[in-house]
PDB file of N, CA and C in Angstrom:
ATOM      1  N   UNK A   1     -18.372  13.767   3.047  1.00  0.00           N
ATOM      2  CA  UNK A   1     -18.481  14.366   1.716  1.00  0.00           C
ATOM      3  C   UNK A   1     -17.583  13.584   0.687  1.00  0.00           C
ATOM      4  N   UNK A   2     -18.105  13.317  -0.484  1.00  0.00           N
ATOM      5  CA  UNK A   2     -17.452  12.876  -1.509  1.00  0.00           C
ATOM      6  C   UNK A   2     -16.477  13.607  -2.375  1.00  0.00           C
ATOM      7  N   UNK A   3     -15.225  13.443  -2.493  1.00  0.00           N
ATOM      8  CA  UNK A   3     -14.567  14.246  -3.007  1.00  0.00           C
ATOM      9  C   UNK A   3     -13.832  13.241  -4.288  1.00  0.00           C
ATOM     10  N   UNK A   4     -13.632  13.859  -5.787  1.00  0.00           N
ATOM     11  CA  UNK A   4     -13.025  12.956  -6.677  1.00  0.00           C
ATOM     12  C   UNK A   4     -11.730  13.853  -7.294  1.00  0.00           C
ATOM     13  N   UNK A   5     -10.996  13.767  -7.577  1.00  0.00           N
ATOM     14  CA  UNK A   5     -10.072  14.777  -8.176  1.00  0.00           C
ATOM     15  C   UNK A   5      -9.355  14.516  -9.740  1.00  0.00           C
ATOM     16  N   UNK A   6      -9.553  13.245  -9.899  1.00  0.00           N
ATOM     17  CA  UNK A   6      -8.789  13.169 -11.351  1.00  0.00           C
ATOM     18  C   UNK A   6      -9.872  12.841 -12.584  1.00  0.00           C
ATOM     19  N   UNK A   7      -9.658  13.315 -13.509  1.00  0.00           N
ATOM     20  CA  UNK A   7     -10.486  13.508 -14.801  1.00  0.00           C
ATOM     21  C   UNK A   7     -10.597  12.200 -15.287  1.00  0.00           C
ATOM     22  N   UNK A   8     -11.673  11.796 -15.369  1.00  0.00           N
ATOM     23  CA  UNK A   8     -12.089  10.133 -15.814  1.00  0.00           C
ATOM     24  C   UNK A   8     -12.534   9.393 -14.909  1.00  0.00           C
ATOM     25  N   UNK A   9     -12.409   9.755 -13.774  1.00  0.00           N
ATOM     26  CA  UNK A   9     -12.519   8.624 -12.505  1.00  0.00           C
ATOM     27  C   UNK A   9     -14.070   8.631 -12.235  1.00  0.00           C
ATOM     28  N   UNK A  10     -14.713   9.452 -12.687  1.00  0.00           N
ATOM     29  CA  UNK A  10     -16.415   9.321 -12.599  1.00  0.00           C
ATOM     30  C   UNK A  10     -16.749   8.383 -13.482  1.00  0.00           C
ATOM     31  N   UNK A  11     -15.879   7.939 -14.464  1.00  0.00           N
ATOM     32  CA  UNK A  11     -16.406   6.895 -15.530  1.00  0.00           C
ATOM     33  C   UNK A  11     -17.039   5.637 -14.685  1.00  0.00           C
ATOM     34  N   UNK A  12     -18.356   5.191 -15.590  1.00  0.00           N
ATOM     35  CA  UNK A  12     -18.886   4.031 -14.969  1.00  0.00           C
ATOM     36  C   UNK A  12     -18.123   2.812 -15.160  1.00  0.00           C
ATOM     37  N   UNK A  13     -17.877   1.965 -14.234  1.00  0.00           N
ATOM     38  CA  UNK A  13     -17.097   0.718 -14.071  1.00  0.00           C
ATOM     39  C   UNK A  13     -18.271  -0.383 -13.791  1.00  0.00           C
ATOM     40  N   UNK A  14     -18.491  -1.099 -14.428  1.00  0.00           N
ATOM     41  CA  UNK A  14     -19.758  -2.238 -14.172  1.00  0.00           C
ATOM     42  C   UNK A  14     -18.858  -3.309 -12.835  1.00  0.00           C
ATOM     43  N   UNK A  15     -19.465  -3.364 -11.965  1.00  0.00           N
ATOM     44  CA  UNK A  15     -19.410  -4.215 -10.704  1.00  0.00           C
ATOM     45  C   UNK A  15     -18.618  -3.861  -9.831  1.00  0.00           C
ATOM     46  N   UNK A  16     -18.126  -2.445 -10.312  1.00  0.00           N
ATOM     47  CA  UNK A  16     -17.281  -1.698  -9.090  1.00  0.00           C
ATOM     48  C   UNK A  16     -18.086  -1.027  -8.281  1.00  0.00           C
ATOM     49  N   UNK A  17     -17.423  -0.662  -7.135  1.00  0.00           N
ATOM     50  CA  UNK A  17     -17.933   0.578  -6.330  1.00  0.00           C
ATOM     51  C   UNK A  17     -16.901   1.444  -5.636  1.00  0.00           C
ATOM     52  N   UNK A  18     -17.269   2.455  -4.806  1.00  0.00           N
ATOM     53  CA  UNK A  18     -16.284   3.376  -4.423  1.00  0.00           C
ATOM     54  C   UNK A  18     -15.892   3.040  -3.076  1.00  0.00           C
ATOM     55  N   UNK A  19     -14.146   3.607  -2.789  1.00  0.00           N
ATOM     56  CA  UNK A  19     -13.872   3.170  -1.469  1.00  0.00           C
ATOM     57  C   UNK A  19     -13.114   4.394  -1.428  1.00  0.00           C
ATOM     58  N   UNK A  20     -12.927   4.880  -0.215  1.00  0.00           N
ATOM     59  CA  UNK A  20     -11.906   5.900   0.145  1.00  0.00           C
ATOM     60  C   UNK A  20     -10.440   5.786   0.302  1.00  0.00           C
ATOM     61  N   UNK A  21      -9.586   6.486   0.125  1.00  0.00           N
ATOM     62  CA  UNK A  21      -8.349   6.336   0.136  1.00  0.00           C
ATOM     63  C   UNK A  21      -8.031   6.400   1.786  1.00  0.00           C
ATOM     64  N   UNK A  22      -7.255   5.523   2.462  1.00  0.00           N
ATOM     65  CA  UNK A  22      -7.033   5.806   3.679  1.00  0.00           C
ATOM     66  C   UNK A  22      -6.263   6.988   4.320  1.00  0.00           C
ATOM     67  N   UNK A  23      -5.335   7.517   3.180  1.00  0.00           N
ATOM     68  CA  UNK A  23      -4.591   8.587   3.589  1.00  0.00           C
ATOM     69  C   UNK A  23      -4.946  10.026   2.998  1.00  0.00           C
ATOM     70  N   UNK A  24      -5.394   9.981   1.718  1.00  0.00           N
ATOM     71  CA  UNK A  24      -5.903  11.303   1.111  1.00  0.00           C
ATOM     72  C   UNK A  24      -7.177  11.640   1.177  1.00  0.00           C
ATOM     73  N   UNK A  25      -8.540  10.646   1.521  1.00  0.00           N
ATOM     74  CA  UNK A  25      -9.415  10.966   1.682  1.00  0.00           C
ATOM     75  C   UNK A  25     -10.368  10.838   0.215  1.00  0.00           C
ATOM     76  N   UNK A  26      -9.788  11.059  -0.706  1.00  0.00           N
ATOM     77  CA  UNK A  26     -10.193  10.921  -2.204  1.00  0.00           C
ATOM     78  C   UNK A  26     -11.032   9.613  -2.334  1.00  0.00           C
ATOM     79  N   UNK A  27     -12.062   9.561  -3.039  1.00  0.00           N
ATOM     80  CA  UNK A  27     -13.118   8.502  -3.305  1.00  0.00           C
ATOM     81  C   UNK A  27     -12.098   7.815  -4.592  1.00  0.00           C
ATOM     82  N   UNK A  28     -12.292   6.469  -4.742  1.00  0.00           N
ATOM     83  CA  UNK A  28     -11.653   5.846  -6.030  1.00  0.00           C
ATOM     84  C   UNK A  28     -12.656   4.515  -6.062  1.00  0.00           C
ATOM     85  N   UNK A  29     -12.622   3.955  -7.323  1.00  0.00           N
ATOM     86  CA  UNK A  29     -13.048   2.655  -7.625  1.00  0.00           C
ATOM     87  C   UNK A  29     -12.166   1.549  -6.861  1.00  0.00           C
ATOM     88  N   UNK A  30     -12.889   0.643  -6.280  1.00  0.00           N
ATOM     89  CA  UNK A  30     -11.907  -0.386  -5.408  1.00  0.00           C
ATOM     90  C   UNK A  30     -10.670  -0.904  -6.195  1.00  0.00           C
ATOM     91  N   UNK A  31     -10.844  -1.029  -7.454  1.00  0.00           N
ATOM     92  CA  UNK A  31      -9.991  -1.971  -8.144  1.00  0.00           C
ATOM     93  C   UNK A  31      -8.560  -0.580  -8.417  1.00  0.00           C
ATOM     94  N   UNK A  32      -8.754   0.310  -8.302  1.00  0.00           N
ATOM     95  CA  UNK A  32      -7.862   1.539  -8.615  1.00  0.00           C
ATOM     96  C   UNK A  32      -6.788   1.823  -7.003  1.00  0.00           C
ATOM     97  N   UNK A  33      -7.473   0.939  -5.959  1.00  0.00           N
ATOM     98  CA  UNK A  33      -6.925   0.982  -4.772  1.00  0.00           C
ATOM     99  C   UNK A  33      -5.890  -0.113  -4.588  1.00  0.00           C
ATOM    100  N   UNK A  34      -4.866   0.013  -3.702  1.00  0.00           N
ATOM    101  CA  UNK A  34      -3.763  -1.119  -3.367  1.00  0.00           C
ATOM    102  C   UNK A  34      -3.688  -1.116  -1.820  1.00  0.00           C
ATOM    103  N   UNK A  35      -3.163  -2.271  -1.439  1.00  0.00           N
ATOM    104  CA  UNK A  35      -2.772  -2.699   0.011  1.00  0.00           C
ATOM    105  C   UNK A  35      -1.469  -1.760   0.102  1.00  0.00           C
ATOM    106  N   UNK A  36      -1.592  -0.816   1.081  1.00  0.00           N
ATOM    107  CA  UNK A  36      -0.365  -0.281   1.560  1.00  0.00           C
ATOM    108  C   UNK A  36       0.799  -1.108   2.004  1.00  0.00           C
ATOM    109  N   UNK A  37       2.009  -1.081   1.966  1.00  0.00           N
ATOM    110  CA  UNK A  37       2.875  -2.119   2.311  1.00  0.00           C
ATOM    111  C   UNK A  37       3.387  -2.069   3.948  1.00  0.00           C
ATOM    112  N   UNK A  38       3.282  -0.931   4.310  1.00  0.00           N
ATOM    113  CA  UNK A  38       3.439  -0.600   5.732  1.00  0.00           C
ATOM    114  C   UNK A  38       2.243  -0.608   6.839  1.00  0.00           C
ATOM    115  N   UNK A  39       1.279  -0.014   6.476  1.00  0.00           N
ATOM    116  CA  UNK A  39       0.184   0.103   7.238  1.00  0.00           C
ATOM    117  C   UNK A  39      -1.130  -0.987   7.166  1.00  0.00           C
ATOM    118  N   UNK A  40      -0.914  -1.548   5.763  1.00  0.00           N
ATOM    119  CA  UNK A  40      -1.677  -2.538   5.153  1.00  0.00           C
ATOM    120  C   UNK A  40      -3.225  -1.918   5.077  1.00  0.00           C
ATOM    121  N   UNK A  41      -3.516  -0.644   4.791  1.00  0.00           N
ATOM    122  CA  UNK A  41      -4.591  -0.112   4.564  1.00  0.00           C
ATOM    123  C   UNK A  41      -4.862   0.094   2.945  1.00  0.00           C
ATOM    124  N   UNK A  42      -5.894   0.470   2.660  1.00  0.00           N
ATOM    125  CA  UNK A  42      -6.265   0.635   1.210  1.00  0.00           C
ATOM    126  C   UNK A  42      -5.958   2.357   0.850  1.00  0.00           C
ATOM    127  N   UNK A  43      -4.951   2.348   0.110  1.00  0.00           N
ATOM    128  CA  UNK A  43      -4.642   3.471  -0.463  1.00  0.00           C
ATOM    129  C   UNK A  43      -4.474   3.578  -2.157  1.00  0.00           C
ATOM    130  N   UNK A  44      -4.719   5.076  -2.575  1.00  0.00           N
ATOM    131  CA  UNK A  44      -4.389   4.941  -3.922  1.00  0.00           C
ATOM    132  C   UNK A  44      -3.244   5.246  -4.322  1.00  0.00           C
ATOM    133  N   UNK A  45      -2.697   5.212  -5.948  1.00  0.00           N
ATOM    134  CA  UNK A  45      -1.335   4.821  -6.346  1.00  0.00           C
ATOM    135  C   UNK A  45      -0.493   6.243  -5.928  1.00  0.00           C
ATOM    136  N   UNK A  46      -1.180   7.197  -5.693  1.00  0.00           N
ATOM    137  CA  UNK A  46      -0.240   8.336  -5.261  1.00  0.00           C
ATOM    138  C   UNK A  46       0.119   8.135  -3.952  1.00  0.00           C
ATOM    139  N   UNK A  47      -0.787   7.704  -2.951  1.00  0.00           N
ATOM    140  CA  UNK A  47      -0.326   7.604  -1.403  1.00  0.00           C
ATOM    141  C   UNK A  47       0.515   6.328  -1.425  1.00  0.00           C
ATOM    142  N   UNK A  48       0.571   5.384  -2.281  1.00  0.00           N
ATOM    143  CA  UNK A  48       1.126   4.025  -2.099  1.00  0.00           C
ATOM    144  C   UNK A  48       2.653   4.324  -1.434  1.00  0.00           C
ATOM    145  N   UNK A  49       2.750   3.438  -0.601  1.00  0.00           N
ATOM    146  CA  UNK A  49       4.201   3.421   0.083  1.00  0.00           C
ATOM    147  C   UNK A  49       4.699   1.912   0.234  1.00  0.00           C
ATOM    148  N   UNK A  50       5.229   1.475  -0.589  1.00  0.00           N
ATOM    149  CA  UNK A  50       5.770   0.085  -0.470  1.00  0.00           C
ATOM    150  C   UNK A  50       6.611  -0.381   0.585  1.00  0.00           C
ATOM    151  N   UNK A  51       6.465  -1.489   0.992  1.00  0.00           N
ATOM    152  CA  UNK A  51       7.197  -2.108   1.947  1.00  0.00           C
ATOM    153  C   UNK A  51       8.715  -2.083   1.624  1.00  0.00           C
ATOM    154  N   UNK A  52       9.900  -1.665   2.496  1.00  0.00           N
ATOM    155  CA  UNK A  52      11.075  -1.531   1.806  1.00  0.00           C
ATOM    156  C   UNK A  52      11.682  -3.040   1.945  1.00  0.00           C
ATOM    157  N   UNK A  53      12.403  -3.324   0.931  1.00  0.00           N
ATOM    158  CA  UNK A  53      13.247  -4.648   0.859  1.00  0.00           C
ATOM    159  C   UNK A  53      13.946  -5.075   2.050  1.00  0.00           C
ATOM    160  N   UNK A  54      14.424  -4.297   2.502  1.00  0.00           N
ATOM    161  CA  UNK A  54      15.497  -4.660   3.768  1.00  0.00           C
ATOM    162  C   UNK A  54      14.576  -5.578   4.738  1.00  0.00           C
ATOM    163  N   UNK A  55      13.157  -5.003   4.833  1.00  0.00           N
ATOM    164  CA  UNK A  55      12.149  -5.640   5.936  1.00  0.00           C
ATOM    165  C   UNK A  55      12.216  -6.966   6.094  1.00  0.00           C
ATOM    166  N   UNK A  56      12.480  -7.421   4.704  1.00  0.00           N
ATOM    167  CA  UNK A  56      12.034  -8.939   4.331  1.00  0.00           C
ATOM    168  C   UNK A  56      13.479  -9.968   4.860  1.00  0.00           C
ATOM    169  N   UNK A  57      14.603  -9.075   4.954  1.00  0.00           N
ATOM    170  CA  UNK A  57      15.661  -9.882   5.869  1.00  0.00           C
ATOM    171  C   UNK A  57      15.641 -10.753   6.924  1.00  0.00           C
ATOM    172  N   UNK A  58      16.139 -11.925   7.042  1.00  0.00           N
ATOM    173  CA  UNK A  58      16.505 -12.790   7.910  1.00  0.00           C
ATOM    174  C   UNK A  58      17.270 -12.024   9.298  1.00  0.00           C
ATOM    175  N   UNK A  59      16.859 -12.367  10.244  1.00  0.00           N
ATOM    176  CA  UNK A  59      17.738 -11.981  11.364  1.00  0.00           C
ATOM    177  C   UNK A  59      18.823 -12.853  11.946  1.00  0.00           C
ATOM    178  N   UNK A  60      20.052 -12.364  12.471  1.00  0.00           N
ATOM    179  CA  UNK A  60      21.018 -13.216  12.542  1.00  0.00           C
ATOM    180  C   UNK A  60      20.714 -13.693  13.864  1.00  0.00           C
ATOM    181  N   UNK A  61      20.598 -15.051  14.193  1.00  0.00           N
ATOM    182  CA  UNK A  61      20.550 -15.720  15.695  1.00  0.00           C
ATOM    183  C   UNK A  61      21.453 -15.504  16.840  1.00  0.00           C
ATOM    184  N   UNK A  62      21.019 -14.937  17.689  1.00  0.00           N
ATOM    185  CA  UNK A  62      21.556 -14.901  19.117  1.00  0.00           C
ATOM    186  C   UNK A  62      23.116 -14.360  18.879  1.00  0.00           C
ATOM    187  N   UNK A  63      23.491 -13.444  18.173  1.00  0.00           N
ATOM    188  CA  UNK A  63      24.898 -13.061  18.401  1.00  0.00           C
ATOM    189  C   UNK A  63      26.200 -13.623  17.541  1.00  0.00           C
ATOM    190  N   UNK A  64      25.127 -14.475  16.701  1.00  0.00           N
ATOM    191  CA  UNK A  64      26.302 -15.491  15.932  1.00  0.00           C
ATOM    192  C   UNK A  64      26.703 -14.524  14.617  1.00  0.00           C
ATOM    193  N   UNK A  65      27.353 -13.728  14.732  1.00  0.00           N
ATOM    194  CA  UNK A  65      27.857 -12.765  13.714  1.00  0.00           C
ATOM    195  C   UNK A  65      29.191 -13.249  12.906  1.00  0.00           C
ATOM    196  N   UNK A  66      29.755 -14.121  13.444  1.00  0.00           N
ATOM    197  CA  UNK A  66      31.081 -14.642  12.780  1.00  0.00           C
ATOM    198  C   UNK A  66      31.004 -16.210  12.928  1.00  0.00           C
ATOM    199  N   UNK A  67      30.934 -16.830  11.715  1.00  0.00           N
ATOM    200  CA  UNK A  67      31.032 -18.349  11.760  1.00  0.00           C
ATOM    201  C   UNK A  67      32.300 -19.082  11.413  1.00  0.00           C
ATOM    202  N   UNK A  68      33.397 -18.124  11.689  1.00  0.00           N
ATOM    203  CA  UNK A  68      34.850 -18.931  11.902  1.00  0.00           C
ATOM    204  C   UNK A  68      35.104 -19.227  13.140  1.00  0.00           C
ATOM    205  N   UNK A  69      35.720 -20.599  13.497  1.00  0.00           N
ATOM    206  CA  UNK A  69      36.204 -21.015  14.622  1.00  0.00           C
ATOM    207  C   UNK A  69      37.310 -20.814  15.031  1.00  0.00           C
ATOM    208  N   UNK A  70      37.736 -19.845  16.063  1.00  0.00           N
ATOM    209  CA  UNK A  70      39.034 -19.284  16.458  1.00  0.00           C
ATOM    210  C   UNK A  70      39.560 -20.219  17.651  1.00  0.00           C
TER     211      UNK A  70
END
């Protein structure tokens, strides 16, 4: 079943096609969808969940928490 819920989304866009949002199930033009930061699936801008900035932090190697020589 095709569901669209945003006024103006049925506008014709040349070279575009419809894709379903992986979370809400509504249909959008492919250029209106984006990759989710967590699950890497195609979602609309209302369902978009960006990756948390702390997920990109480096890990401390093997318990080397203090760099002081005592």
